[in-house]
PDB file of N, CA and C in Angstrom:
ATOM      1  N   UNK A   1      75.337 103.287 137.917  1.00  0.00           N
ATOM      2  CA  UNK A   1      75.644 103.905 136.431  1.00  0.00           C
ATOM      3  C   UNK A   1      76.991 103.411 136.002  1.00  0.00           C
ATOM      4  N   UNK A   2      77.937 103.155 136.885  1.00  0.00           N
ATOM      5  CA  UNK A   2      79.333 102.752 136.399  1.00  0.00           C
ATOM      6  C   UNK A   2      79.163 101.272 135.819  1.00  0.00           C
ATOM      7  N   UNK A   3      78.315 100.587 136.311  1.00  0.00           N
ATOM      8  CA  UNK A   3      78.187  99.150 135.638  1.00  0.00           C
ATOM      9  C   UNK A   3      77.603  99.339 134.237  1.00  0.00           C
ATOM     10  N   UNK A   4      76.722 100.331 134.018  1.00  0.00           N
ATOM     11  CA  UNK A   4      76.078 100.583 132.699  1.00  0.00           C
ATOM     12  C   UNK A   4      77.264 101.057 131.555  1.00  0.00           C
ATOM     13  N   UNK A   5      78.130 101.937 132.230  1.00  0.00           N
ATOM     14  CA  UNK A   5      79.152 102.418 131.406  1.00  0.00           C
ATOM     15  C   UNK A   5      80.057 101.300 131.124  1.00  0.00           C
ATOM     16  N   UNK A   6      80.364 100.533 132.034  1.00  0.00           N
ATOM     17  CA  UNK A   6      81.339  99.327 131.751  1.00  0.00           C
ATOM     18  C   UNK A   6      80.701  98.396 130.622  1.00  0.00           C
ATOM     19  N   UNK A   7      79.539  98.191 130.699  1.00  0.00           N
ATOM     20  CA  UNK A   7      78.723  97.320 129.677  1.00  0.00           C
ATOM     21  C   UNK A   7      78.876  97.964 128.320  1.00  0.00           C
ATOM     22  N   UNK A   8      78.659  99.240 128.280  1.00  0.00           N
ATOM     23  CA  UNK A   8      78.503  99.876 127.102  1.00  0.00           C
ATOM     24  C   UNK A   8      80.060 100.069 126.299  1.00  0.00           C
ATOM     25  N   UNK A   9      81.055 100.043 127.200  1.00  0.00           N
ATOM     26  CA  UNK A   9      82.323 100.146 126.661  1.00  0.00           C
ATOM     27  C   UNK A   9      83.101  98.786 126.435  1.00  0.00           C
ATOM     28  N   UNK A  10      82.305  97.746 126.738  1.00  0.00           N
ATOM     29  CA  UNK A  10      82.882  96.368 126.790  1.00  0.00           C
ATOM     30  C   UNK A  10      83.498  96.154 125.385  1.00  0.00           C
ATOM     31  N   UNK A  11      82.960  96.459 124.320  1.00  0.00           N
ATOM     32  CA  UNK A  11      83.465  96.128 122.906  1.00  0.00           C
ATOM     33  C   UNK A  11      84.365  97.367 122.372  1.00  0.00           C
ATOM     34  N   UNK A  12      84.252  98.433 123.137  1.00  0.00           N
ATOM     35  CA  UNK A  12      84.925  99.531 122.640  1.00  0.00           C
ATOM     36  C   UNK A  12      86.238  99.769 123.407  1.00  0.00           C
ATOM     37  N   UNK A  13      86.524  98.943 124.408  1.00  0.00           N
ATOM     38  CA  UNK A  13      87.750  99.146 125.133  1.00  0.00           C
ATOM     39  C   UNK A  13      88.958  98.606 124.596  1.00  0.00           C
ATOM     40  N   UNK A  14      90.010  99.437 124.588  1.00  0.00           N
ATOM     41  CA  UNK A  14      91.463  98.895 124.109  1.00  0.00           C
ATOM     42  C   UNK A  14      92.321  99.075 125.352  1.00  0.00           C
ATOM     43  N   UNK A  15      93.609  98.541 125.073  1.00  0.00           N
ATOM     44  CA  UNK A  15      94.557  98.672 126.324  1.00  0.00           C
ATOM     45  C   UNK A  15      95.765  98.154 126.078  1.00  0.00           C
ATOM     46  N   UNK A  16      96.725  98.204 126.899  1.00  0.00           N
ATOM     47  CA  UNK A  16      98.003  97.771 126.639  1.00  0.00           C
ATOM     48  C   UNK A  16      98.325  96.788 127.792  1.00  0.00           C
ATOM     49  N   UNK A  17      98.553  95.501 127.234  1.00  0.00           N
ATOM     50  CA  UNK A  17      98.554  94.167 128.357  1.00  0.00           C
ATOM     51  C   UNK A  17      99.921  94.483 129.182  1.00  0.00           C
ATOM     52  N   UNK A  18     100.884  95.115 128.499  1.00  0.00           N
ATOM     53  CA  UNK A  18     102.109  95.288 129.380  1.00  0.00           C
ATOM     54  C   UNK A  18     102.161  96.133 130.409  1.00  0.00           C
ATOM     55  N   UNK A  19     101.409  97.249 130.405  1.00  0.00           N
ATOM     56  CA  UNK A  19     101.327  98.273 131.265  1.00  0.00           C
ATOM     57  C   UNK A  19      99.978  98.226 132.043  1.00  0.00           C
ATOM     58  N   UNK A  20      99.123  97.642 131.598  1.00  0.00           N
ATOM     59  CA  UNK A  20      97.781  97.588 132.235  1.00  0.00           C
ATOM     60  C   UNK A  20      96.806  98.666 131.912  1.00  0.00           C
ATOM     61  N   UNK A  21      97.206  99.641 130.983  1.00  0.00           N
ATOM     62  CA  UNK A  21      96.541 100.721 130.714  1.00  0.00           C
ATOM     63  C   UNK A  21      95.311 100.246 129.824  1.00  0.00           C
ATOM     64  N   UNK A  22      94.215 100.988 130.064  1.00  0.00           N
ATOM     65  CA  UNK A  22      93.187 100.848 129.097  1.00  0.00           C
ATOM     66  C   UNK A  22      92.406 101.995 128.830  1.00  0.00           C
ATOM     67  N   UNK A  23      91.653 102.021 127.677  1.00  0.00           N
ATOM     68  CA  UNK A  23      90.998 103.224 127.462  1.00  0.00           C
ATOM     69  C   UNK A  23      89.887 102.745 126.470  1.00  0.00           C
ATOM     70  N   UNK A  24      88.975 103.624 126.201  1.00  0.00           N
ATOM     71  CA  UNK A  24      87.790 103.474 125.291  1.00  0.00           C
ATOM     72  C   UNK A  24      87.886 104.394 124.033  1.00  0.00           C
ATOM     73  N   UNK A  25      87.477 103.891 122.992  1.00  0.00           N
ATOM     74  CA  UNK A  25      87.497 104.599 121.610  1.00  0.00           C
ATOM     75  C   UNK A  25      86.181 105.609 121.680  1.00  0.00           C
ATOM     76  N   UNK A  26      85.304 105.391 122.492  1.00  0.00           N
ATOM     77  CA  UNK A  26      84.248 106.274 122.423  1.00  0.00           C
ATOM     78  C   UNK A  26      84.362 107.583 123.134  1.00  0.00           C
ATOM     79  N   UNK A  27      83.702 108.596 122.668  1.00  0.00           N
ATOM     80  CA  UNK A  27      83.956 110.026 123.345  1.00  0.00           C
ATOM     81  C   UNK A  27      82.861 110.037 124.546  1.00  0.00           C
ATOM     82  N   UNK A  28      83.146 110.812 125.432  1.00  0.00           N
ATOM     83  CA  UNK A  28      82.069 110.983 126.743  1.00  0.00           C
ATOM     84  C   UNK A  28      80.739 111.259 126.034  1.00  0.00           C
ATOM     85  N   UNK A  29      80.846 112.048 124.993  1.00  0.00           N
ATOM     86  CA  UNK A  29      79.471 112.446 124.552  1.00  0.00           C
ATOM     87  C   UNK A  29      78.675 111.274 123.819  1.00  0.00           C
ATOM     88  N   UNK A  30      79.419 110.551 123.231  1.00  0.00           N
ATOM     89  CA  UNK A  30      78.699 109.193 122.698  1.00  0.00           C
ATOM     90  C   UNK A  30      78.307 108.202 123.810  1.00  0.00           C
ATOM     91  N   UNK A  31      79.079 108.082 124.811  1.00  0.00           N
ATOM     92  CA  UNK A  31      78.644 107.162 125.984  1.00  0.00           C
ATOM     93  C   UNK A  31      77.469 107.957 126.721  1.00  0.00           C
ATOM     94  N   UNK A  32      77.424 109.247 126.955  1.00  0.00           N
ATOM     95  CA  UNK A  32      76.263 109.976 127.548  1.00  0.00           C
ATOM     96  C   UNK A  32      75.079 109.675 126.626  1.00  0.00           C
ATOM     97  N   UNK A  33      75.147 109.846 125.403  1.00  0.00           N
ATOM     98  CA  UNK A  33      74.127 109.650 124.352  1.00  0.00           C
ATOM     99  C   UNK A  33      73.431 108.218 124.523  1.00  0.00           C
ATOM    100  N   UNK A  34      74.361 107.295 124.766  1.00  0.00           N
ATOM    101  CA  UNK A  34      73.942 105.784 124.711  1.00  0.00           C
ATOM    102  C   UNK A  34      73.153 105.623 126.098  1.00  0.00           C
ATOM    103  N   UNK A  35      73.741 106.228 127.176  1.00  0.00           N
ATOM    104  CA  UNK A  35      72.950 106.144 128.542  1.00  0.00           C
ATOM    105  C   UNK A  35      71.686 106.755 128.542  1.00  0.00           C
ATOM    106  N   UNK A  36      71.590 107.903 127.765  1.00  0.00           N
ATOM    107  CA  UNK A  36      70.285 108.705 127.854  1.00  0.00           C
ATOM    108  C   UNK A  36      69.329 107.889 126.964  1.00  0.00           C
ATOM    109  N   UNK A  37      69.863 107.115 125.982  1.00  0.00           N
ATOM    110  CA  UNK A  37      68.890 106.251 125.144  1.00  0.00           C
ATOM    111  C   UNK A  37      68.369 105.018 125.923  1.00  0.00           C
ATOM    112  N   UNK A  38      69.087 104.856 127.168  1.00  0.00           N
ATOM    113  CA  UNK A  38      68.663 103.793 128.037  1.00  0.00           C
ATOM    114  C   UNK A  38      67.818 104.470 129.130  1.00  0.00           C
ATOM    115  N   UNK A  39      67.582 105.561 129.118  1.00  0.00           N
ATOM    116  CA  UNK A  39      66.665 106.213 130.150  1.00  0.00           C
ATOM    117  C   UNK A  39      67.425 106.920 131.267  1.00  0.00           C
ATOM    118  N   UNK A  40      68.910 106.944 131.097  1.00  0.00           N
ATOM    119  CA  UNK A  40      69.622 107.490 132.361  1.00  0.00           C
ATOM    120  C   UNK A  40      70.210 108.822 131.920  1.00  0.00           C
ATOM    121  N   UNK A  41      69.643 109.903 132.527  1.00  0.00           N
ATOM    122  CA  UNK A  41      69.922 111.289 132.153  1.00  0.00           C
ATOM    123  C   UNK A  41      71.295 111.601 132.813  1.00  0.00           C
ATOM    124  N   UNK A  42      72.246 111.782 131.821  1.00  0.00           N
ATOM    125  CA  UNK A  42      73.608 112.140 132.303  1.00  0.00           C
ATOM    126  C   UNK A  42      74.291 112.995 131.093  1.00  0.00           C
ATOM    127  N   UNK A  43      75.186 113.866 131.722  1.00  0.00           N
ATOM    128  CA  UNK A  43      75.904 114.743 130.710  1.00  0.00           C
ATOM    129  C   UNK A  43      77.327 114.041 130.369  1.00  0.00           C
ATOM    130  N   UNK A  44      77.987 114.540 129.251  1.00  0.00           N
ATOM    131  CA  UNK A  44      79.110 114.020 129.007  1.00  0.00           C
ATOM    132  C   UNK A  44      80.218 114.413 130.121  1.00  0.00           C
ATOM    133  N   UNK A  45      80.035 115.531 130.672  1.00  0.00           N
ATOM    134  CA  UNK A  45      81.117 115.872 131.819  1.00  0.00           C
ATOM    135  C   UNK A  45      80.831 114.812 132.941  1.00  0.00           C
ATOM    136  N   UNK A  46      79.637 114.506 133.200  1.00  0.00           N
ATOM    137  CA  UNK A  46      79.496 113.420 134.350  1.00  0.00           C
ATOM    138  C   UNK A  46      80.100 112.050 133.961  1.00  0.00           C
ATOM    139  N   UNK A  47      79.959 111.778 132.687  1.00  0.00           N
ATOM    140  CA  UNK A  47      80.514 110.572 132.159  1.00  0.00           C
ATOM    141  C   UNK A  47      82.168 110.640 132.368  1.00  0.00           C
ATOM    142  N   UNK A  48      82.702 111.910 132.141  1.00  0.00           N
ATOM    143  CA  UNK A  48      84.065 112.175 132.182  1.00  0.00           C
ATOM    144  C   UNK A  48      84.604 111.983 133.760  1.00  0.00           C
ATOM    145  N   UNK A  49      83.803 112.574 134.659  1.00  0.00           N
ATOM    146  CA  UNK A  49      84.025 112.284 136.042  1.00  0.00           C
ATOM    147  C   UNK A  49      83.951 110.793 136.540  1.00  0.00           C
ATOM    148  N   UNK A  50      82.880 110.152 135.889  1.00  0.00           N
ATOM    149  CA  UNK A  50      82.874 108.637 136.246  1.00  0.00           C
ATOM    150  C   UNK A  50      83.970 107.801 135.748  1.00  0.00           C
ATOM    151  N   UNK A  51      84.515 108.226 134.444  1.00  0.00           N
ATOM    152  CA  UNK A  51      85.631 107.577 133.967  1.00  0.00           C
ATOM    153  C   UNK A  51      86.815 107.714 134.826  1.00  0.00           C
ATOM    154  N   UNK A  52      86.896 108.917 135.296  1.00  0.00           N
ATOM    155  CA  UNK A  52      88.170 109.324 136.102  1.00  0.00           C
ATOM    156  C   UNK A  52      87.953 108.290 137.406  1.00  0.00           C
ATOM    157  N   UNK A  53      86.684 108.196 138.056  1.00  0.00           N
ATOM    158  CA  UNK A  53      86.536 107.475 139.220  1.00  0.00           C
ATOM    159  C   UNK A  53      86.784 106.057 138.854  1.00  0.00           C
ATOM    160  N   UNK A  54      86.744 105.419 137.669  1.00  0.00           N
ATOM    161  CA  UNK A  54      86.990 104.107 137.259  1.00  0.00           C
ATOM    162  C   UNK A  54      88.573 104.071 136.979  1.00  0.00           C
ATOM    163  N   UNK A  55      89.337 105.060 137.418  1.00  0.00           N
ATOM    164  CA  UNK A  55      90.892 104.966 137.173  1.00  0.00           C
ATOM    165  C   UNK A  55      91.317 105.060 135.811  1.00  0.00           C
ATOM    166  N   UNK A  56      90.442 105.845 134.972  1.00  0.00           N
ATOM    167  CA  UNK A  56      90.893 106.276 133.544  1.00  0.00           C
ATOM    168  C   UNK A  56      91.407 107.483 133.513  1.00  0.00           C
ATOM    169  N   UNK A  57      92.281 107.866 132.669  1.00  0.00           N
ATOM    170  CA  UNK A  57      92.544 109.317 132.580  1.00  0.00           C
ATOM    171  C   UNK A  57      92.626 109.594 130.982  1.00  0.00           C
ATOM    172  N   UNK A  58      92.426 110.851 130.565  1.00  0.00           N
ATOM    173  CA  UNK A  58      92.213 111.238 129.195  1.00  0.00           C
ATOM    174  C   UNK A  58      93.467 111.044 128.361  1.00  0.00           C
ATOM    175  N   UNK A  59      93.412 110.464 127.288  1.00  0.00           N
ATOM    176  CA  UNK A  59      94.433 110.128 126.327  1.00  0.00           C
ATOM    177  C   UNK A  59      94.180 110.847 125.088  1.00  0.00           C
ATOM    178  N   UNK A  60      95.076 111.677 124.525  1.00  0.00           N
ATOM    179  CA  UNK A  60      94.717 112.433 123.519  1.00  0.00           C
ATOM    180  C   UNK A  60      95.657 111.922 122.215  1.00  0.00           C
ATOM    181  N   UNK A  61      95.216 111.769 121.296  1.00  0.00           N
ATOM    182  CA  UNK A  61      96.041 111.438 119.932  1.00  0.00           C
ATOM    183  C   UNK A  61      96.867 112.622 119.712  1.00  0.00           C
ATOM    184  N   UNK A  62      98.197 112.112 119.326  1.00  0.00           N
ATOM    185  CA  UNK A  62      99.255 113.095 119.007  1.00  0.00           C
ATOM    186  C   UNK A  62      99.841 112.754 117.649  1.00  0.00           C
ATOM    187  N   UNK A  63      99.654 113.671 116.773  1.00  0.00           N
ATOM    188  CA  UNK A  63     100.181 113.508 115.384  1.00  0.00           C
ATOM    189  C   UNK A  63     101.727 113.901 115.498  1.00  0.00           C
ATOM    190  N   UNK A  64     102.492 113.153 114.916  1.00  0.00           N
ATOM    191  CA  UNK A  64     103.978 113.412 114.744  1.00  0.00           C
ATOM    192  C   UNK A  64     104.310 113.342 113.331  1.00  0.00           C
ATOM    193  N   UNK A  65     105.117 114.306 112.742  1.00  0.00           N
ATOM    194  CA  UNK A  65     105.653 114.385 111.560  1.00  0.00           C
ATOM    195  C   UNK A  65     106.850 113.566 111.223  1.00  0.00           C
ATOM    196  N   UNK A  66     106.995 112.805 110.164  1.00  0.00           N
ATOM    197  CA  UNK A  66     108.295 112.243 109.930  1.00  0.00           C
ATOM    198  C   UNK A  66     109.138 113.186 109.305  1.00  0.00           C
ATOM    199  N   UNK A  67     110.371 113.454 109.801  1.00  0.00           N
ATOM    200  CA  UNK A  67     111.305 114.417 109.163  1.00  0.00           C
ATOM    201  C   UNK A  67     112.486 113.860 108.450  1.00  0.00           C
ATOM    202  N   UNK A  68     112.531 112.533 108.442  1.00  0.00           N
ATOM    203  CA  UNK A  68     113.528 111.892 107.769  1.00  0.00           C
ATOM    204  C   UNK A  68     112.950 111.174 106.524  1.00  0.00           C
ATOM    205  N   UNK A  69     113.631 111.314 105.383  1.00  0.00           N
ATOM    206  CA  UNK A  69     113.216 110.744 104.186  1.00  0.00           C
ATOM    207  C   UNK A  69     114.323 109.543 103.790  1.00  0.00           C
ATOM    208  N   UNK A  70     113.739 108.297 103.750  1.00  0.00           N
ATOM    209  CA  UNK A  70     114.595 107.099 103.369  1.00  0.00           C
ATOM    210  C   UNK A  70     115.412 107.553 102.147  1.00  0.00           C
ATOM    211  N   UNK A  71     116.766 107.214 102.255  1.00  0.00           N
ATOM    212  CA  UNK A  71     117.733 107.300 101.138  1.00  0.00           C
ATOM    213  C   UNK A  71     117.296 106.584  99.908  1.00  0.00           C
ATOM    214  N   UNK A  72     116.739 105.446  99.939  1.00  0.00           N
ATOM    215  CA  UNK A  72     116.425 104.794  98.860  1.00  0.00           C
ATOM    216  C   UNK A  72     115.050 104.828  98.210  1.00  0.00           C
ATOM    217  N   UNK A  73     114.368 105.779  98.664  1.00  0.00           N
ATOM    218  CA  UNK A  73     112.960 106.082  98.331  1.00  0.00           C
ATOM    219  C   UNK A  73     112.895 106.184  96.761  1.00  0.00           C
ATOM    220  N   UNK A  74     113.766 107.010  96.135  1.00  0.00           N
ATOM    221  CA  UNK A  74     113.586 107.140  94.719  1.00  0.00           C
ATOM    222  C   UNK A  74     114.005 105.907  94.068  1.00  0.00           C
ATOM    223  N   UNK A  75     115.011 105.149  94.544  1.00  0.00           N
ATOM    224  CA  UNK A  75     115.351 103.796  93.849  1.00  0.00           C
ATOM    225  C   UNK A  75     114.077 102.923  94.022  1.00  0.00           C
ATOM    226  N   UNK A  76     113.444 102.941  95.128  1.00  0.00           N
ATOM    227  CA  UNK A  76     112.221 101.994  95.179  1.00  0.00           C
ATOM    228  C   UNK A  76     111.126 102.338  94.074  1.00  0.00           C
ATOM    229  N   UNK A  77     110.824 103.602  93.904  1.00  0.00           N
ATOM    230  CA  UNK A  77     109.817 104.048  93.042  1.00  0.00           C
ATOM    231  C   UNK A  77     110.366 103.767  91.534  1.00  0.00           C
ATOM    232  N   UNK A  78     111.623 103.995  91.365  1.00  0.00           N
ATOM    233  CA  UNK A  78     112.112 103.707  90.005  1.00  0.00           C
ATOM    234  C   UNK A  78     111.917 102.192  89.673  1.00  0.00           C
ATOM    235  N   UNK A  79     112.287 101.272  90.526  1.00  0.00           N
ATOM    236  CA  UNK A  79     112.218  99.885  90.477  1.00  0.00           C
ATOM    237  C   UNK A  79     110.756  99.451  90.121  1.00  0.00           C
ATOM    238  N   UNK A  80     109.897 100.021  90.905  1.00  0.00           N
ATOM    239  CA  UNK A  80     108.324  99.715  90.711  1.00  0.00           C
ATOM    240  C   UNK A  80     107.847 100.390  89.323  1.00  0.00           C
ATOM    241  N   UNK A  81     108.425 101.489  88.866  1.00  0.00           N
ATOM    242  CA  UNK A  81     107.927 101.940  87.680  1.00  0.00           C
ATOM    243  C   UNK A  81     108.462 101.155  86.544  1.00  0.00           C
ATOM    244  N   UNK A  82     109.636 100.570  86.630  1.00  0.00           N
ATOM    245  CA  UNK A  82     110.185  99.640  85.653  1.00  0.00           C
ATOM    246  C   UNK A  82     109.509  98.538  85.400  1.00  0.00           C
ATOM    247  N   UNK A  83     109.227  97.906  86.754  1.00  0.00           N
ATOM    248  CA  UNK A  83     108.406  96.675  86.667  1.00  0.00           C
ATOM    249  C   UNK A  83     107.047  96.825  86.080  1.00  0.00           C
ATOM    250  N   UNK A  84     106.354  97.802  86.323  1.00  0.00           N
ATOM    251  CA  UNK A  84     105.089  98.143  85.783  1.00  0.00           C
ATOM    252  C   UNK A  84     105.163  98.237  84.345  1.00  0.00           C
ATOM    253  N   UNK A  85     106.167  98.993  83.845  1.00  0.00           N
ATOM    254  CA  UNK A  85     106.270  99.201  82.238  1.00  0.00           C
ATOM    255  C   UNK A  85     106.622  97.856  81.691  1.00  0.00           C
ATOM    256  N   UNK A  86     107.407  96.964  82.300  1.00  0.00           N
ATOM    257  CA  UNK A  86     107.755  95.736  81.553  1.00  0.00           C
ATOM    258  C   UNK A  86     106.368  94.740  81.686  1.00  0.00           C
ATOM    259  N   UNK A  87     105.746  94.811  82.757  1.00  0.00           N
ATOM    260  CA  UNK A  87     104.547  93.985  82.721  1.00  0.00           C
ATOM    261  C   UNK A  87     103.465  94.503  81.885  1.00  0.00           C
ATOM    262  N   UNK A  88     103.239  95.751  81.798  1.00  0.00           N
ATOM    263  CA  UNK A  88     102.298  96.262  80.749  1.00  0.00           C
ATOM    264  C   UNK A  88     102.672  95.906  79.377  1.00  0.00           C
ATOM    265  N   UNK A  89     103.957  95.985  79.006  1.00  0.00           N
ATOM    266  CA  UNK A  89     104.401  95.679  77.720  1.00  0.00           C
ATOM    267  C   UNK A  89     104.155  94.147  77.427  1.00  0.00           C
ATOM    268  N   UNK A  90     104.130  93.344  78.388  1.00  0.00           N
ATOM    269  CA  UNK A  90     104.066  91.817  78.214  1.00  0.00           C
ATOM    270  C   UNK A  90     102.499  91.495  78.319  1.00  0.00           C
ATOM    271  N   UNK A  91     101.635  92.537  78.497  1.00  0.00           N
ATOM    272  CA  UNK A  91     100.292  92.252  78.594  1.00  0.00           C
ATOM    273  C   UNK A  91      99.835  91.644  80.062  1.00  0.00           C
ATOM    274  N   UNK A  92     100.660  91.742  80.994  1.00  0.00           N
ATOM    275  CA  UNK A  92     100.388  91.117  82.156  1.00  0.00           C
ATOM    276  C   UNK A  92      99.434  92.061  83.120  1.00  0.00           C
ATOM    277  N   UNK A  93      98.654  91.582  83.935  1.00  0.00           N
ATOM    278  CA  UNK A  93      97.654  92.475  84.847  1.00  0.00           C
ATOM    279  C   UNK A  93      98.733  93.169  85.801  1.00  0.00           C
ATOM    280  N   UNK A  94      98.325  94.486  86.069  1.00  0.00           N
ATOM    281  CA  UNK A  94      99.022  95.273  87.147  1.00  0.00           C
ATOM    282  C   UNK A  94      98.026  95.366  88.457  1.00  0.00           C
ATOM    283  N   UNK A  95      98.779  95.000  89.587  1.00  0.00           N
ATOM    284  CA  UNK A  95      97.828  94.875  90.778  1.00  0.00           C
ATOM    285  C   UNK A  95      98.964  95.887  91.661  1.00  0.00           C
ATOM    286  N   UNK A  96      98.188  96.977  92.277  1.00  0.00           N
ATOM    287  CA  UNK A  96      98.831  97.810  93.181  1.00  0.00           C
ATOM    288  C   UNK A  96      98.368  97.537  94.570  1.00  0.00           C
ATOM    289  N   UNK A  97      99.465  97.171  95.415  1.00  0.00           N
ATOM    290  CA  UNK A  97      99.257  96.794  96.807  1.00  0.00           C
ATOM    291  C   UNK A  97     100.242  97.800  97.703  1.00  0.00           C
ATOM    292  N   UNK A  98      99.615  98.525  98.533  1.00  0.00           N
ATOM    293  CA  UNK A  98     100.349  99.339  99.464  1.00  0.00           C
ATOM    294  C   UNK A  98     100.861  98.601 100.568  1.00  0.00           C
ATOM    295  N   UNK A  99     101.997  98.264 100.798  1.00  0.00           N
ATOM    296  CA  UNK A  99     102.556  97.579 101.991  1.00  0.00           C
ATOM    297  C   UNK A  99     103.556  98.234 102.632  1.00  0.00           C
ATOM    298  N   UNK A 100     103.795  99.444 102.364  1.00  0.00           N
ATOM    299  CA  UNK A 100     105.015 100.121 103.020  1.00  0.00           C
ATOM    300  C   UNK A 100     104.426 100.809 104.254  1.00  0.00           C
ATOM    301  N   UNK A 101     105.471 101.193 105.057  1.00  0.00           N
ATOM    302  CA  UNK A 101     105.119 102.023 106.246  1.00  0.00           C
ATOM    303  C   UNK A 101     104.252 103.344 105.980  1.00  0.00           C
ATOM    304  N   UNK A 102     103.255 103.599 106.647  1.00  0.00           N
ATOM    305  CA  UNK A 102     102.580 104.876 106.550  1.00  0.00           C
ATOM    306  C   UNK A 102     103.260 105.934 106.999  1.00  0.00           C
ATOM    307  N   UNK A 103     103.297 106.963 106.393  1.00  0.00           N
ATOM    308  CA  UNK A 103     103.909 108.232 106.973  1.00  0.00           C
ATOM    309  C   UNK A 103     103.034 109.563 106.733  1.00  0.00           C
ATOM    310  N   UNK A 104     102.920 110.198 107.830  1.00  0.00           N
ATOM    311  CA  UNK A 104     102.181 111.521 107.585  1.00  0.00           C
ATOM    312  C   UNK A 104     102.859 112.478 106.692  1.00  0.00           C
ATOM    313  N   UNK A 105     102.041 113.011 105.877  1.00  0.00           N
ATOM    314  CA  UNK A 105     102.439 113.978 104.779  1.00  0.00           C
ATOM    315  C   UNK A 105     102.246 115.403 105.028  1.00  0.00           C
ATOM    316  N   UNK A 106     101.636 115.664 106.126  1.00  0.00           N
ATOM    317  CA  UNK A 106     101.075 117.067 106.334  1.00  0.00           C
ATOM    318  C   UNK A 106     100.620 117.167 107.795  1.00  0.00           C
ATOM    319  N   UNK A 107     100.391 118.420 108.187  1.00  0.00           N
ATOM    320  CA  UNK A 107      99.879 118.697 109.502  1.00  0.00           C
ATOM    321  C   UNK A 107      98.367 118.297 109.773  1.00  0.00           C
ATOM    322  N   UNK A 108      98.078 117.173 109.821  1.00  0.00           N
ATOM    323  CA  UNK A 108      96.610 116.731 109.972  1.00  0.00           C
ATOM    324  C   UNK A 108      96.175 116.795 111.334  1.00  0.00           C
ATOM    325  N   UNK A 109      94.799 117.321 111.445  1.00  0.00           N
ATOM    326  CA  UNK A 109      94.457 117.692 112.656  1.00  0.00           C
ATOM    327  C   UNK A 109      93.384 116.507 113.194  1.00  0.00           C
ATOM    328  N   UNK A 110      93.596 116.063 114.272  1.00  0.00           N
ATOM    329  CA  UNK A 110      92.802 115.051 114.883  1.00  0.00           C
ATOM    330  C   UNK A 110      92.387 115.365 116.391  1.00  0.00           C
ATOM    331  N   UNK A 111      91.021 115.655 116.507  1.00  0.00           N
ATOM    332  CA  UNK A 111      90.683 116.017 117.806  1.00  0.00           C
ATOM    333  C   UNK A 111      90.318 114.954 118.803  1.00  0.00           C
ATOM    334  N   UNK A 112      90.595 113.785 118.226  1.00  0.00           N
ATOM    335  CA  UNK A 112      90.092 112.546 119.064  1.00  0.00           C
ATOM    336  C   UNK A 112      90.972 112.462 120.355  1.00  0.00           C
ATOM    337  N   UNK A 113      90.254 111.875 121.246  1.00  0.00           N
ATOM    338  CA  UNK A 113      90.796 111.640 122.661  1.00  0.00           C
ATOM    339  C   UNK A 113      90.089 110.415 123.268  1.00  0.00           C
ATOM    340  N   UNK A 114      91.018 109.784 123.986  1.00  0.00           N
ATOM    341  CA  UNK A 114      90.495 108.524 124.795  1.00  0.00           C
ATOM    342  C   UNK A 114      90.838 108.668 126.166  1.00  0.00           C
ATOM    343  N   UNK A 115      90.353 107.654 127.000  1.00  0.00           N
ATOM    344  CA  UNK A 115      90.533 107.763 128.442  1.00  0.00           C
ATOM    345  C   UNK A 115      91.413 106.493 128.800  1.00  0.00           C
ATOM    346  N   UNK A 116      92.422 106.576 129.672  1.00  0.00           N
ATOM    347  CA  UNK A 116      93.239 105.486 130.025  1.00  0.00           C
ATOM    348  C   UNK A 116      93.478 105.530 131.416  1.00  0.00           C
ATOM    349  N   UNK A 117      93.922 104.470 132.073  1.00  0.00           N
ATOM    350  CA  UNK A 117      94.189 104.540 133.527  1.00  0.00           C
ATOM    351  C   UNK A 117      95.124 105.452 134.013  1.00  0.00           C
ATOM    352  N   UNK A 118      96.184 105.693 133.438  1.00  0.00           N
ATOM    353  CA  UNK A 118      97.207 106.535 134.040  1.00  0.00           C
ATOM    354  C   UNK A 118      97.636 107.576 133.042  1.00  0.00           C
ATOM    355  N   UNK A 119      98.059 108.815 133.513  1.00  0.00           N
ATOM    356  CA  UNK A 119      98.376 109.925 132.578  1.00  0.00           C
ATOM    357  C   UNK A 119      99.610 109.594 131.820  1.00  0.00           C
ATOM    358  N   UNK A 120      99.773 110.183 130.625  1.00  0.00           N
ATOM    359  CA  UNK A 120     100.976 109.973 129.980  1.00  0.00           C
ATOM    360  C   UNK A 120     101.756 111.149 130.176  1.00  0.00           C
ATOM    361  N   UNK A 121     103.006 110.838 130.421  1.00  0.00           N
ATOM    362  CA  UNK A 121     104.177 111.827 130.563  1.00  0.00           C
ATOM    363  C   UNK A 121     104.741 112.282 129.324  1.00  0.00           C
ATOM    364  N   UNK A 122     104.882 113.566 129.156  1.00  0.00           N
ATOM    365  CA  UNK A 122     105.491 114.046 127.970  1.00  0.00           C
ATOM    366  C   UNK A 122     106.693 114.903 128.290  1.00  0.00           C
TER     367      UNK A 122
END
């Protein structure tokens, strides 16, 4: 059964080449569902135990809120607004591309979890 799990996770496995940690983006329930579709009766808890035997440990997504506001944020938006107005006045097309760092703006909930080889120390 472990060979079937490895094959199912082949394209869903991620990892850190520096530490050797690896995990899958699939949940244990999804893996169990795929095994059941192959005719293997297994529960998600059994899949979790098998992942543990394969030297994976549960990795949970942690959301962190940014508490620092860049000092030049208002200046950046003022510059962009000025450029937009100037281009619009000249009849030039406006293209909006978001290339700045993504920041969390609220306490978003993410129940996702992944498995990795070693536990994370917090």
